[in-house]
Amino acid sequence: MTKRPKWLDRPEKNVPEHIRKAKGTGRGTSDAMHDVAFWLSDEFDHWVAALEAIDKRNDKEPLLALLKSECELPHAARIYLADLLSRYQLKKKRGGQSTPAYDRSLAEVALMLDVEAVRNLTKNGMSIKDALAKVAKPRGPDYLEILGNAQHGSRGSTRRMKKRRP
């Protein structure tokens, strides 16, 4: 265990003694940025804590949860987020990449268009079964089941992508 540096014991002006003699985490005090940073406004403590989780523990979950929530992003927190992004190298994960939430894969786009075609045919009086068969026919026999699942909202891939989107 290392010794406490002597310069920490120097009396400083306007610094209360209990702060000067405070020990690190694990001894009853907090070294979390939002606890010790008196210069930061309390209005965005949760944003600072989330950014600190990335810096100290490489844990992005608190920030992701805040960004997905309805919580407002104050201007100062926006600046801290920009600083964080400028300091880190964003890299894609290894392996196959999922389609970004703001985009659609080619297969998903084709399926969406076909589901819309089935809806239009059923609006014009055709039965759902006949409309599915008519739209799926050019794509092959296996596509009928895929299109049927997408039409009924029971296609897993489509549901999972829908959860990721706003």
Protein backbone atom coordinates (compact mmCIF):
# COMPACT_ATOMS: atom_id res chain seq x y z
CA MET A 1 0.00 0.00 0.00
CA THR A 2 1.35 3.43 -0.89
CA LYS A 3 1.79 6.29 1.53
CA ARG A 4 -0.21 9.47 1.39
CA PRO A 5 1.75 12.21 -0.45
CA LYS A 6 3.06 14.92 1.88
CA TRP A 7 1.84 17.74 -0.37
CA LEU A 8 -1.74 16.72 0.48
CA ASP A 9 -1.08 17.65 4.11
CA ARG A 10 -0.07 21.25 3.27
CA PRO A 11 -2.57 23.76 4.58
CA GLU A 12 -4.33 25.42 1.67
CA LYS A 13 -6.35 28.59 1.88
CA ASN A 14 -10.11 28.19 2.06
CA VAL A 15 -9.99 24.37 2.02
CA PRO A 16 -11.69 22.81 5.03
CA GLU A 17 -9.52 20.42 7.00
CA HIS A 18 -11.93 17.50 6.59
CA ILE A 19 -11.49 17.76 2.81
CA ARG A 20 -7.69 18.05 3.00
CA LYS A 21 -7.45 14.95 5.18
CA ALA A 22 -10.02 12.93 3.25
CA LYS A 23 -8.93 9.50 2.11
CA GLY A 24 -9.78 7.83 -1.21
CA THR A 25 -12.71 5.57 -2.00
CA GLY A 26 -13.23 2.66 0.32
CA ARG A 27 -12.62 4.74 3.41
CA GLY A 28 -15.96 6.44 3.67
CA THR A 29 -15.59 9.15 1.03
CA SER A 30 -16.64 9.28 -2.58
CA ASP A 31 -14.34 10.11 -5.46
CA ALA A 32 -17.19 10.19 -7.99
CA MET A 33 -16.94 13.32 -10.12
CA HIS A 34 -20.49 14.47 -9.41
CA ASP A 35 -19.79 14.23 -5.65
CA VAL A 36 -16.50 16.15 -5.57
CA ALA A 37 -16.89 18.57 -8.50
CA PHE A 38 -18.42 21.56 -6.76
CA TRP A 39 -17.95 23.60 -9.96
CA LEU A 40 -20.54 21.48 -11.81
CA SER A 41 -24.23 22.28 -11.63
CA ASP A 42 -26.45 19.72 -9.89
CA GLU A 43 -28.89 19.79 -12.81
CA PHE A 44 -26.81 17.38 -14.86
CA ASP A 45 -25.17 15.16 -12.21
CA HIS A 46 -26.63 12.06 -13.85
CA TRP A 47 -25.08 13.02 -17.21
CA VAL A 48 -21.66 13.56 -15.62
CA ALA A 49 -21.97 10.22 -13.79
CA ALA A 50 -22.81 8.46 -17.06
CA LEU A 51 -19.85 10.05 -18.87
CA GLU A 52 -17.58 9.22 -15.95
CA ALA A 53 -18.69 5.57 -16.13
CA ILE A 54 -17.29 5.42 -19.65
CA ASP A 55 -14.03 7.15 -18.66
CA LYS A 56 -13.37 5.14 -15.50
CA ARG A 57 -14.99 1.74 -16.11
CA ASN A 58 -15.56 1.63 -19.88
CA ASP A 59 -19.25 1.13 -19.04
CA LYS A 60 -21.50 2.70 -21.67
CA GLU A 61 -24.81 1.41 -20.27
CA PRO A 62 -25.63 4.45 -18.06
CA LEU A 63 -25.10 6.82 -20.99
CA LEU A 64 -27.14 4.65 -23.36
CA ALA A 65 -29.97 4.51 -20.82
CA LEU A 66 -29.97 8.31 -20.45
CA LEU A 67 -29.88 8.91 -24.19
CA LYS A 68 -32.81 6.55 -24.74
CA SER A 69 -34.83 8.10 -21.90
CA GLU A 70 -36.99 11.20 -22.01
CA CYS A 71 -34.43 13.08 -19.89
CA GLU A 72 -33.43 16.47 -21.31
CA LEU A 73 -29.84 16.90 -22.51
CA PRO A 74 -28.62 20.26 -21.13
CA HIS A 75 -26.21 22.34 -23.21
CA ALA A 76 -23.29 21.76 -20.81
CA ALA A 77 -23.87 17.99 -20.86
CA ARG A 78 -23.92 18.17 -24.68
CA ILE A 79 -20.47 19.82 -24.58
CA TYR A 80 -19.17 17.11 -22.21
CA LEU A 81 -20.57 14.42 -24.51
CA ALA A 82 -18.86 16.01 -27.53
CA ASP A 83 -15.61 16.09 -25.52
CA LEU A 84 -15.98 12.41 -24.68
CA LEU A 85 -16.58 11.49 -28.34
CA SER A 86 -13.58 13.52 -29.45
CA ARG A 87 -11.32 11.73 -26.94
CA TYR A 88 -12.41 8.20 -27.84
CA GLN A 89 -11.88 6.27 -31.06
CA LEU A 90 -15.24 4.84 -32.11
CA LYS A 91 -14.71 1.38 -33.55
CA LYS A 92 -17.19 -1.15 -34.86
CA LYS A 93 -17.48 -4.44 -33.03
CA ARG A 94 -15.79 -7.45 -34.54
CA GLY A 95 -17.88 -9.82 -36.59
CA GLY A 96 -21.06 -9.25 -38.53
CA GLN A 97 -22.57 -5.81 -38.16
CA SER A 98 -26.21 -5.21 -37.46
CA THR A 99 -28.05 -2.64 -39.53
CA PRO A 100 -28.11 0.79 -37.82
CA ALA A 101 -31.42 1.73 -36.20
CA TYR A 102 -31.87 4.63 -38.65
CA ASP A 103 -31.44 2.38 -41.71
CA ARG A 104 -33.17 -0.67 -43.18
CA SER A 105 -31.56 -3.70 -44.80
CA LEU A 106 -32.43 -4.44 -48.43
CA ALA A 107 -34.38 -7.53 -47.36
CA GLU A 108 -36.32 -5.47 -44.78
CA VAL A 109 -37.15 -2.80 -47.37
CA ALA A 110 -38.39 -5.41 -49.86
CA LEU A 111 -40.49 -7.03 -47.13
CA MET A 112 -41.98 -3.67 -46.08
CA LEU A 113 -42.94 -2.94 -49.69
CA ASP A 114 -44.53 -6.37 -50.04
CA VAL A 115 -46.49 -5.98 -46.80
CA GLU A 116 -47.78 -2.64 -48.10
CA ALA A 117 -48.73 -4.30 -51.40
CA VAL A 118 -50.71 -6.95 -49.47
CA ARG A 119 -52.48 -4.19 -47.50
CA ASN A 120 -53.42 -2.40 -50.73
CA LEU A 121 -54.78 -5.59 -52.27
CA THR A 122 -56.86 -6.38 -49.19
CA LYS A 123 -58.25 -2.81 -49.16
CA ASN A 124 -59.48 -3.43 -52.69
CA GLY A 125 -61.46 -6.49 -51.60
CA MET A 126 -59.01 -9.38 -52.08
CA SER A 127 -58.72 -11.91 -49.23
CA ILE A 128 -55.52 -11.85 -47.17
CA LYS A 129 -54.62 -15.41 -48.22
CA ASP A 130 -54.97 -14.60 -51.94
CA ALA A 131 -53.10 -11.29 -51.56
CA LEU A 132 -50.21 -13.00 -49.74
CA ALA A 133 -50.02 -15.68 -52.45
CA LYS A 134 -50.09 -13.11 -55.25
CA VAL A 135 -47.35 -10.92 -53.76
CA ALA A 136 -45.15 -13.84 -52.63
CA LYS A 137 -45.38 -15.82 -55.90
CA PRO A 138 -42.44 -14.10 -57.73
CA ARG A 139 -40.12 -14.61 -54.76
CA GLY A 140 -40.58 -18.34 -54.28
CA PRO A 141 -42.53 -20.76 -52.08
CA ASP A 142 -40.62 -20.07 -48.82
CA TYR A 143 -41.37 -16.35 -49.03
CA LEU A 144 -45.10 -16.90 -48.46
CA GLU A 145 -44.52 -17.88 -44.81
CA ILE A 146 -42.06 -14.99 -44.24
CA LEU A 147 -44.48 -12.49 -45.76
CA GLY A 148 -47.38 -13.93 -43.76
CA ASN A 149 -45.43 -13.57 -40.51
CA ALA A 150 -44.46 -10.00 -41.37
CA GLN A 151 -48.08 -9.17 -42.27
CA HIS A 152 -49.32 -10.50 -38.91
CA GLY A 153 -46.50 -8.85 -36.92
CA SER A 154 -45.00 -12.13 -35.77
CA ARG A 155 -41.69 -12.00 -37.65
CA GLY A 156 -38.94 -11.92 -35.00
CA SER A 157 -36.34 -9.97 -36.96
CA THR A 158 -38.82 -7.20 -37.81
CA ARG A 159 -40.00 -6.97 -34.18
CA ARG A 160 -36.43 -6.74 -32.83
CA MET A 161 -35.53 -3.94 -35.26
CA LYS A 162 -38.74 -2.11 -34.39
CA LYS A 163 -37.73 -2.10 -30.70
CA ARG A 164 -34.44 -0.33 -31.54
CA ARG A 165 -36.14 2.48 -33.42
CA PRO A 166 -37.86 5.52 -31.94
